[in-house]
PDB file of N, CA and C in Angstrom:
ATOM      1  N   MET A   1     -23.635   8.796 -17.985  1.00  0.00           N
ATOM      2  CA  MET A   1     -23.067  10.129 -18.218  1.00  0.00           C
ATOM      3  C   MET A   1     -21.747  10.265 -17.455  1.00  0.00           C
ATOM      4  N   CYS A   2     -20.717  10.609 -18.191  1.00  0.00           N
ATOM      5  CA  CYS A   2     -19.394  10.670 -17.574  1.00  0.00           C
ATOM      6  C   CYS A   2     -18.965  12.119 -17.382  1.00  0.00           C
ATOM      7  N   LYS A   3     -18.637  12.448 -16.161  1.00  0.00           N
ATOM      8  CA  LYS A   3     -18.134  13.804 -15.896  1.00  0.00           C
ATOM      9  C   LYS A   3     -16.681  13.880 -16.330  1.00  0.00           C
ATOM     10  N   PRO A   4     -16.252  15.043 -16.800  1.00  0.00           N
ATOM     11  CA  PRO A   4     -14.826  15.196 -17.113  1.00  0.00           C
ATOM     12  C   PRO A   4     -14.015  15.061 -15.825  1.00  0.00           C
ATOM     13  N   GLY A   5     -12.934  14.304 -15.911  1.00  0.00           N
ATOM     14  CA  GLY A   5     -12.095  14.134 -14.729  1.00  0.00           C
ATOM     15  C   GLY A   5     -12.492  12.934 -13.890  1.00  0.00           C
ATOM     16  N   GLN A   6     -13.603  12.288 -14.267  1.00  0.00           N
ATOM     17  CA  GLN A   6     -14.038  11.122 -13.482  1.00  0.00           C
ATOM     18  C   GLN A   6     -13.070   9.963 -13.680  1.00  0.00           C
ATOM     19  N   GLU A   7     -12.655   9.762 -14.929  1.00  0.00           N
ATOM     20  CA  GLU A   7     -11.692   8.697 -15.225  1.00  0.00           C
ATOM     21  C   GLU A   7     -10.387   8.949 -14.478  1.00  0.00           C
ATOM     22  N   LEU A   8      -9.974  10.205 -14.462  1.00  0.00           N
ATOM     23  CA  LEU A   8      -8.746  10.589 -13.767  1.00  0.00           C
ATOM     24  C   LEU A   8      -8.876  10.255 -12.282  1.00  0.00           C
ATOM     25  N   GLN A   9     -10.045  10.551 -11.725  1.00  0.00           N
ATOM     26  CA  GLN A   9     -10.291  10.283 -10.308  1.00  0.00           C
ATOM     27  C   GLN A   9     -10.214   8.785 -10.028  1.00  0.00           C
ATOM     28  N   GLU A  10     -10.770   7.983 -10.949  1.00  0.00           N
ATOM     29  CA  GLU A  10     -10.733   6.531 -10.770  1.00  0.00           C
ATOM     30  C   GLU A  10      -9.303   6.021 -10.827  1.00  0.00           C
ATOM     31  N   MET A  11      -8.512   6.570 -11.756  1.00  0.00           N
ATOM     32  CA  MET A  11      -7.103   6.191 -11.853  1.00  0.00           C
ATOM     33  C   MET A  11      -6.365   6.548 -10.574  1.00  0.00           C
ATOM     34  N   PHE A  12      -6.684   7.720 -10.044  1.00  0.00           N
ATOM     35  CA  PHE A  12      -6.052   8.195  -8.814  1.00  0.00           C
ATOM     36  C   PHE A  12      -6.399   7.264  -7.661  1.00  0.00           C
ATOM     37  N   ASP A  13      -7.680   6.859  -7.584  1.00  0.00           N
ATOM     38  CA  ASP A  13      -8.117   5.943  -6.531  1.00  0.00           C
ATOM     39  C   ASP A  13      -7.373   4.619  -6.630  1.00  0.00           C
ATOM     40  N   LEU A  14      -7.216   4.131  -7.869  1.00  0.00           N
ATOM     41  CA  LEU A  14      -6.520   2.866  -8.100  1.00  0.00           C
ATOM     42  C   LEU A  14      -5.077   2.973  -7.624  1.00  0.00           C
ATOM     43  N   CYS A  15      -4.432   4.087  -7.954  1.00  0.00           N
ATOM     44  CA  CYS A  15      -3.045   4.315  -7.529  1.00  0.00           C
ATOM     45  C   CYS A  15      -2.966   4.335  -6.014  1.00  0.00           C
ATOM     46  N   ASN A  16      -3.919   5.035  -5.383  1.00  0.00           N
ATOM     47  CA  ASN A  16      -3.964   5.125  -3.929  1.00  0.00           C
ATOM     48  C   ASN A  16      -4.091   3.745  -3.312  1.00  0.00           C
ATOM     49  N   CYS A  17      -4.970   2.935  -3.924  1.00  0.00           N
ATOM     50  CA  CYS A  17      -5.217   1.586  -3.412  1.00  0.00           C
ATOM     51  C   CYS A  17      -3.938   0.764  -3.499  1.00  0.00           C
ATOM     52  N   LYS A  18      -3.250   0.857  -4.633  1.00  0.00           N
ATOM     53  CA  LYS A  18      -2.011   0.101  -4.818  1.00  0.00           C
ATOM     54  C   LYS A  18      -0.957   0.568  -3.828  1.00  0.00           C
ATOM     55  N   GLN A  19      -0.887   1.882  -3.597  1.00  0.00           N
ATOM     56  CA  GLN A  19       0.096   2.418  -2.655  1.00  0.00           C
ATOM     57  C   GLN A  19      -0.179   1.902  -1.251  1.00  0.00           C
ATOM     58  N   ARG A  20      -1.470   1.879  -0.875  1.00  0.00           N
ATOM     59  CA  ARG A  20      -1.826   1.389   0.456  1.00  0.00           C
ATOM     60  C   ARG A  20      -1.436  -0.072   0.612  1.00  0.00           C
ATOM     61  N   LEU A  21      -1.696  -0.860  -0.438  1.00  0.00           N
ATOM     62  CA  LEU A  21      -1.371  -2.286  -0.405  1.00  0.00           C
ATOM     63  C   LEU A  21       0.130  -2.472  -0.242  1.00  0.00           C
ATOM     64  N   LEU A  22       0.903  -1.708  -1.027  1.00  0.00           N
ATOM     65  CA  LEU A  22       2.359  -1.785  -0.967  1.00  0.00           C
ATOM     66  C   LEU A  22       2.842  -1.405   0.423  1.00  0.00           C
ATOM     67  N   TYR A  23       2.233  -0.355   0.992  1.00  0.00           N
ATOM     68  CA  TYR A  23       2.592   0.142   2.308  1.00  0.00           C
ATOM     69  C   TYR A  23       2.352  -0.939   3.363  1.00  0.00           C
ATOM     70  N   GLN A  24       1.190  -1.617   3.259  1.00  0.00           N
ATOM     71  CA  GLN A  24       0.867  -2.667   4.218  1.00  0.00           C
ATOM     72  C   GLN A  24       1.844  -3.825   4.115  1.00  0.00           C
ATOM     73  N   ILE A  25       2.196  -4.183   2.868  1.00  0.00           N
ATOM     74  CA  ILE A  25       3.146  -5.280   2.652  1.00  0.00           C
ATOM     75  C   ILE A  25       4.501  -4.922   3.259  1.00  0.00           C
ATOM     76  N   LEU A  26       4.933  -3.676   3.036  1.00  0.00           N
ATOM     77  CA  LEU A  26       6.217  -3.223   3.577  1.00  0.00           C
ATOM     78  C   LEU A  26       6.207  -3.284   5.097  1.00  0.00           C
ATOM     79  N   ILE A  27       5.107  -2.863   5.708  1.00  0.00           N
ATOM     80  CA  ILE A  27       4.997  -2.877   7.166  1.00  0.00           C
ATOM     81  C   ILE A  27       5.069  -4.310   7.685  1.00  0.00           C
ATOM     82  N   GLN A  28       4.382  -5.234   6.985  1.00  0.00           N
ATOM     83  CA  GLN A  28       4.399  -6.634   7.415  1.00  0.00           C
ATOM     84  C   GLN A  28       5.806  -7.208   7.334  1.00  0.00           C
ATOM     85  N   ILE A  29       6.504  -6.907   6.233  1.00  0.00           N
ATOM     86  CA  ILE A  29       7.878  -7.391   6.062  1.00  0.00           C
ATOM     87  C   ILE A  29       8.772  -6.803   7.151  1.00  0.00           C
ATOM     88  N   PHE A  30       8.610  -5.500   7.396  1.00  0.00           N
ATOM     89  CA  PHE A  30       9.429  -4.806   8.382  1.00  0.00           C
ATOM     90  C   PHE A  30       9.217  -5.387   9.774  1.00  0.00           C
ATOM     91  N   SER A  31       7.947  -5.608  10.145  1.00  0.00           N
ATOM     92  CA  SER A  31       7.683  -6.156  11.474  1.00  0.00           C
ATOM     93  C   SER A  31       8.171  -7.599  11.571  1.00  0.00           C
ATOM     94  N   GLY A  32       8.103  -8.332  10.453  1.00  0.00           N
ATOM     95  CA  GLY A  32       8.621  -9.697  10.436  1.00  0.00           C
ATOM     96  C   GLY A  32      10.114  -9.708  10.688  1.00  0.00           C
ATOM     97  N   VAL A  33      10.825  -8.786  10.051  1.00  0.00           N
ATOM     98  CA  VAL A  33      12.278  -8.680  10.225  1.00  0.00           C
ATOM     99  C   VAL A  33      12.603  -8.293  11.667  1.00  0.00           C
ATOM    100  N   LEU A  34      11.826  -7.360  12.227  1.00  0.00           N
ATOM    101  CA  LEU A  34      12.047  -6.936  13.611  1.00  0.00           C
ATOM    102  C   LEU A  34      11.884  -8.115  14.561  1.00  0.00           C
ATOM    103  N   ILE A  35      10.831  -8.909  14.344  1.00  0.00           N
ATOM    104  CA  ILE A  35      10.581 -10.068  15.203  1.00  0.00           C
ATOM    105  C   ILE A  35      11.739 -11.056  15.101  1.00  0.00           C
ATOM    106  N   LEU A  36      12.226 -11.287  13.878  1.00  0.00           N
ATOM    107  CA  LEU A  36      13.351 -12.202  13.672  1.00  0.00           C
ATOM    108  C   LEU A  36      14.585 -11.696  14.404  1.00  0.00           C
ATOM    109  N   MET A  37      14.849 -10.401  14.286  1.00  0.00           N
ATOM    110  CA  MET A  37      16.028  -9.814  14.933  1.00  0.00           C
ATOM    111  C   MET A  37      15.916  -9.926  16.445  1.00  0.00           C
ATOM    112  N   CYS A  38      14.717  -9.687  16.969  1.00  0.00           N
ATOM    113  CA  CYS A  38      14.512  -9.736  18.415  1.00  0.00           C
ATOM    114  C   CYS A  38      14.657 -11.160  18.941  1.00  0.00           C
ATOM    115  N   SER A  39      14.131 -12.127  18.197  1.00  0.00           N
ATOM    116  CA  SER A  39      14.177 -13.510  18.680  1.00  0.00           C
ATOM    117  C   SER A  39      15.581 -14.107  18.559  1.00  0.00           C
ATOM    118  N   SER A  40      16.374 -13.601  17.613  1.00  0.00           N
ATOM    119  CA  SER A  40      17.730 -14.141  17.446  1.00  0.00           C
ATOM    120  C   SER A  40      18.710 -13.460  18.390  1.00  0.00           C
ATOM    121  N   ALA A  41      18.347 -12.290  18.888  1.00  0.00           N
ATOM    122  CA  ALA A  41      19.254 -11.535  19.767  1.00  0.00           C
ATOM    123  C   ALA A  41      19.306 -12.165  21.161  1.00  0.00           C
TER     124      ALA A  41
END
């Protein structure tokens, strides 16, 4: 039995998950760049 809006909620969760993943990747890249800058300075 599917509630109305359940599919929408699942889509929203998927988007949230992708955003979190992207955010983590960005943070890793950013910290990598910071480390490179610090070690070269």
